[in-house]
Amino acid sequence: MATVGISGKIDVQKILKEHLFSGSKGKYLDITMFVNLDEQGMYGDNGMITQNWKDQQKGEGPILGNVKVFWSDSGNAPQKKEESKPVAGGPGAENDFDDDIPFSQPNFLLA
């Protein structure tokens, strides 16, 4: 089994404080991390961190932040997801229009 180093950042303002709980050594927050070891997202992240609690409904917990795999003992670094390239003629594509094509303006009378 491979060992990986994972770092994470959370937005503490998104924590639902009513679901924090006290334990014998302090206050606790339950989280779940979803990690893709093979691929990175568009911003270099490998997954997300969500808050969870007892009796939570599916999808109820907020997304608190992202995680990133920064080290792996297998030597295989996660690959960044390829950015989508514009399709010819689609939004963001270069215009291949012929400037010599005449376009006429419609003649409308405005009342």
C-alpha atoms as a PDB file:
ATOM      1  CA  MET A   1       0.000   0.000   0.000  1.00  0.00           C
ATOM      2  CA  ALA A   2       1.307   3.451  -0.937  1.00  0.00           C
ATOM      3  CA  THR A   3       1.846   6.245   1.524  1.00  0.00           C
ATOM      4  CA  VAL A   4       0.883   9.757   0.475  1.00  0.00           C
ATOM      5  CA  GLY A   5       1.270  13.222   1.949  1.00  0.00           C
ATOM      6  CA  ILE A   6      -1.919  15.263   1.775  1.00  0.00           C
ATOM      7  CA  SER A   7      -2.345  18.921   2.675  1.00  0.00           C
ATOM      8  CA  GLY A   8      -5.639  20.705   3.051  1.00  0.00           C
ATOM      9  CA  LYS A   9      -7.105  24.147   3.452  1.00  0.00           C
ATOM     10  CA  ILE A  10     -10.505  24.901   4.878  1.00  0.00           C
ATOM     11  CA  ASP A  11     -12.600  28.037   5.090  1.00  0.00           C
ATOM     12  CA  VAL A  12     -13.372  28.145   8.810  1.00  0.00           C
ATOM     13  CA  GLN A  13     -16.290  30.514   8.193  1.00  0.00           C
ATOM     14  CA  LYS A  14     -18.122  27.631   6.474  1.00  0.00           C
ATOM     15  CA  ILE A  15     -17.963  25.376   9.559  1.00  0.00           C
ATOM     16  CA  LEU A  16     -21.407  24.769  11.027  1.00  0.00           C
ATOM     17  CA  LYS A  17     -20.520  25.417  14.662  1.00  0.00           C
ATOM     18  CA  GLU A  18     -23.670  23.760  16.021  1.00  0.00           C
ATOM     19  CA  HIS A  19     -22.127  20.431  14.927  1.00  0.00           C
ATOM     20  CA  LEU A  20     -18.861  20.861  16.852  1.00  0.00           C
ATOM     21  CA  PHE A  21     -18.700  18.544  19.837  1.00  0.00           C
ATOM     22  CA  SER A  22     -16.771  18.368  23.076  1.00  0.00           C
ATOM     23  CA  GLY A  23     -14.488  15.480  23.853  1.00  0.00           C
ATOM     24  CA  SER A  24     -12.231  14.673  26.776  1.00  0.00           C
ATOM     25  CA  LYS A  25      -9.370  16.768  25.346  1.00  0.00           C
ATOM     26  CA  GLY A  26     -11.121  19.611  23.539  1.00  0.00           C
ATOM     27  CA  LYS A  27     -13.682  20.596  20.889  1.00  0.00           C
ATOM     28  CA  TYR A  28     -13.855  18.522  17.716  1.00  0.00           C
ATOM     29  CA  LEU A  29     -14.999  18.815  14.128  1.00  0.00           C
ATOM     30  CA  ASP A  30     -15.800  15.715  12.072  1.00  0.00           C
ATOM     31  CA  ILE A  31     -14.668  15.948   8.463  1.00  0.00           C
ATOM     32  CA  THR A  32     -14.593  13.700   5.415  1.00  0.00           C
ATOM     33  CA  MET A  33     -11.969  13.992   2.679  1.00  0.00           C
ATOM     34  CA  PHE A  34     -12.518  12.816  -0.869  1.00  0.00           C
ATOM     35  CA  VAL A  35      -9.138  12.304  -2.576  1.00  0.00           C
ATOM     36  CA  ASN A  36      -8.271  11.311  -6.149  1.00  0.00           C
ATOM     37  CA  LEU A  37      -4.671  10.053  -6.066  1.00  0.00           C
ATOM     38  CA  ASP A  38      -4.368   9.837  -9.843  1.00  0.00           C
ATOM     39  CA  GLU A  39      -5.577  13.208 -11.098  1.00  0.00           C
ATOM     40  CA  GLN A  40      -5.556  16.857 -10.133  1.00  0.00           C
ATOM     41  CA  GLY A  41      -8.400  19.265 -10.738  1.00  0.00           C
ATOM     42  CA  MET A  42      -8.220  22.483 -12.689  1.00  0.00           C
ATOM     43  CA  TYR A  43      -6.672  24.353  -9.729  1.00  0.00           C
ATOM     44  CA  GLY A  44      -4.156  21.665  -8.722  1.00  0.00           C
ATOM     45  CA  ASP A  45      -6.334  20.093  -6.029  1.00  0.00           C
ATOM     46  CA  ASN A  46      -6.935  16.364  -5.624  1.00  0.00           C
ATOM     47  CA  GLY A  47     -10.196  16.488  -3.716  1.00  0.00           C
ATOM     48  CA  MET A  48     -12.316  18.214  -1.146  1.00  0.00           C
ATOM     49  CA  ILE A  49     -13.041  18.374   2.575  1.00  0.00           C
ATOM     50  CA  THR A  50     -16.616  18.286   3.834  1.00  0.00           C
ATOM     51  CA  GLN A  51     -18.052  18.608   7.330  1.00  0.00           C
ATOM     52  CA  ASN A  52     -20.043  15.694   8.644  1.00  0.00           C
ATOM     53  CA  TRP A  53     -21.941  14.825  11.833  1.00  0.00           C
ATOM     54  CA  LYS A  54     -24.091  12.112  13.367  1.00  0.00           C
ATOM     55  CA  ASP A  55     -27.558  11.789  11.754  1.00  0.00           C
ATOM     56  CA  GLN A  56     -26.453  13.913   8.790  1.00  0.00           C
ATOM     57  CA  GLN A  57     -28.493  13.596   5.600  1.00  0.00           C
ATOM     58  CA  LYS A  58     -26.580  12.832   2.378  1.00  0.00           C
ATOM     59  CA  GLY A  59     -25.216  16.031   0.849  1.00  0.00           C
ATOM     60  CA  GLU A  60     -26.144  18.123   3.883  1.00  0.00           C
ATOM     61  CA  GLY A  61     -22.604  18.932   5.020  1.00  0.00           C
ATOM     62  CA  PRO A  62     -20.867  21.985   3.562  1.00  0.00           C
ATOM     63  CA  ILE A  63     -17.727  21.787   1.436  1.00  0.00           C
ATOM     64  CA  LEU A  64     -15.102  23.369   3.666  1.00  0.00           C
ATOM     65  CA  GLY A  65     -12.094  23.316   1.364  1.00  0.00           C
ATOM     66  CA  ASN A  66      -9.716  21.372  -0.846  1.00  0.00           C
ATOM     67  CA  VAL A  67      -6.952  18.807  -0.456  1.00  0.00           C
ATOM     68  CA  LYS A  68      -3.778  18.308  -2.443  1.00  0.00           C
ATOM     69  CA  VAL A  69      -1.467  15.312  -2.645  1.00  0.00           C
ATOM     70  CA  PHE A  70       2.035  16.775  -2.277  1.00  0.00           C
ATOM     71  CA  TRP A  71       4.056  13.574  -1.828  1.00  0.00           C
ATOM     72  CA  SER A  72       3.840   9.872  -2.619  1.00  0.00           C
ATOM     73  CA  ASP A  73       6.302   7.111  -1.778  1.00  0.00           C
ATOM     74  CA  SER A  74       5.433   5.450  -5.094  1.00  0.00           C
ATOM     75  CA  GLY A  75       7.050   8.374  -6.901  1.00  0.00           C
ATOM     76  CA  ASN A  76       3.966   8.866  -9.073  1.00  0.00           C
ATOM     77  CA  ALA A  77       2.735  12.435  -8.856  1.00  0.00           C
ATOM     78  CA  PRO A  78      -0.914  13.078  -9.652  1.00  0.00           C
ATOM     79  CA  GLN A  79      -1.455  14.390 -13.168  1.00  0.00           C
ATOM     80  CA  LYS A  80      -3.126  17.756 -13.678  1.00  0.00           C
ATOM     81  CA  LYS A  81      -6.388  17.489 -15.573  1.00  0.00           C
ATOM     82  CA  GLU A  82      -6.078  18.771 -19.119  1.00  0.00           C
ATOM     83  CA  GLU A  83      -7.881  22.026 -19.720  1.00  0.00           C
ATOM     84  CA  SER A  84     -10.547  21.835 -22.364  1.00  0.00           C
ATOM     85  CA  LYS A  85      -9.618  23.477 -25.632  1.00  0.00           C
ATOM     86  CA  PRO A  86     -12.144  25.500 -27.586  1.00  0.00           C
ATOM     87  CA  VAL A  87     -13.866  23.713 -30.424  1.00  0.00           C
ATOM     88  CA  ALA A  88     -13.402  25.274 -33.860  1.00  0.00           C
ATOM     89  CA  GLY A  89     -16.078  27.886 -34.309  1.00  0.00           C
ATOM     90  CA  GLY A  90     -17.126  27.641 -30.652  1.00  0.00           C
ATOM     91  CA  PRO A  91     -16.820  30.312 -27.967  1.00  0.00           C
ATOM     92  CA  GLY A  92     -13.232  31.428 -27.530  1.00  0.00           C
ATOM     93  CA  ALA A  93     -12.112  30.049 -30.890  1.00  0.00           C
ATOM     94  CA  GLU A  94     -10.283  32.261 -33.367  1.00  0.00           C
ATOM     95  CA  ASN A  95     -12.536  33.854 -35.970  1.00  0.00           C
ATOM     96  CA  ASP A  96     -11.892  32.418 -39.426  1.00  0.00           C
ATOM     97  CA  PHE A  97     -14.297  34.805 -41.111  1.00  0.00           C
ATOM     98  CA  ASP A  98     -13.555  36.326 -44.472  1.00  0.00           C
ATOM     99  CA  ASP A  99     -13.527  40.108 -44.059  1.00  0.00           C
ATOM    100  CA  ASP A 100     -14.651  40.549 -47.673  1.00  0.00           C
ATOM    101  CA  ILE A 101     -18.100  39.070 -47.079  1.00  0.00           C
ATOM    102  CA  PRO A 102     -20.621  41.905 -47.164  1.00  0.00           C
ATOM    103  CA  PHE A 103     -23.280  42.025 -44.480  1.00  0.00           C
ATOM    104  CA  SER A 104     -26.134  44.408 -44.963  1.00  0.00           C
ATOM    105  CA  GLN A 105     -28.022  46.075 -42.180  1.00  0.00           C
ATOM    106  CA  PRO A 106     -31.789  45.552 -42.185  1.00  0.00           C
ATOM    107  CA  ASN A 107     -33.800  48.663 -42.986  1.00  0.00           C
ATOM    108  CA  PHE A 108     -36.274  49.111 -40.147  1.00  0.00           C
ATOM    109  CA  LEU A 109     -38.333  52.183 -39.581  1.00  0.00           C
ATOM    110  CA  LEU A 110     -38.640  53.006 -35.935  1.00  0.00           C
ATOM    111  CA  ALA A 111     -41.818  54.794 -34.957  1.00  0.00           C
END
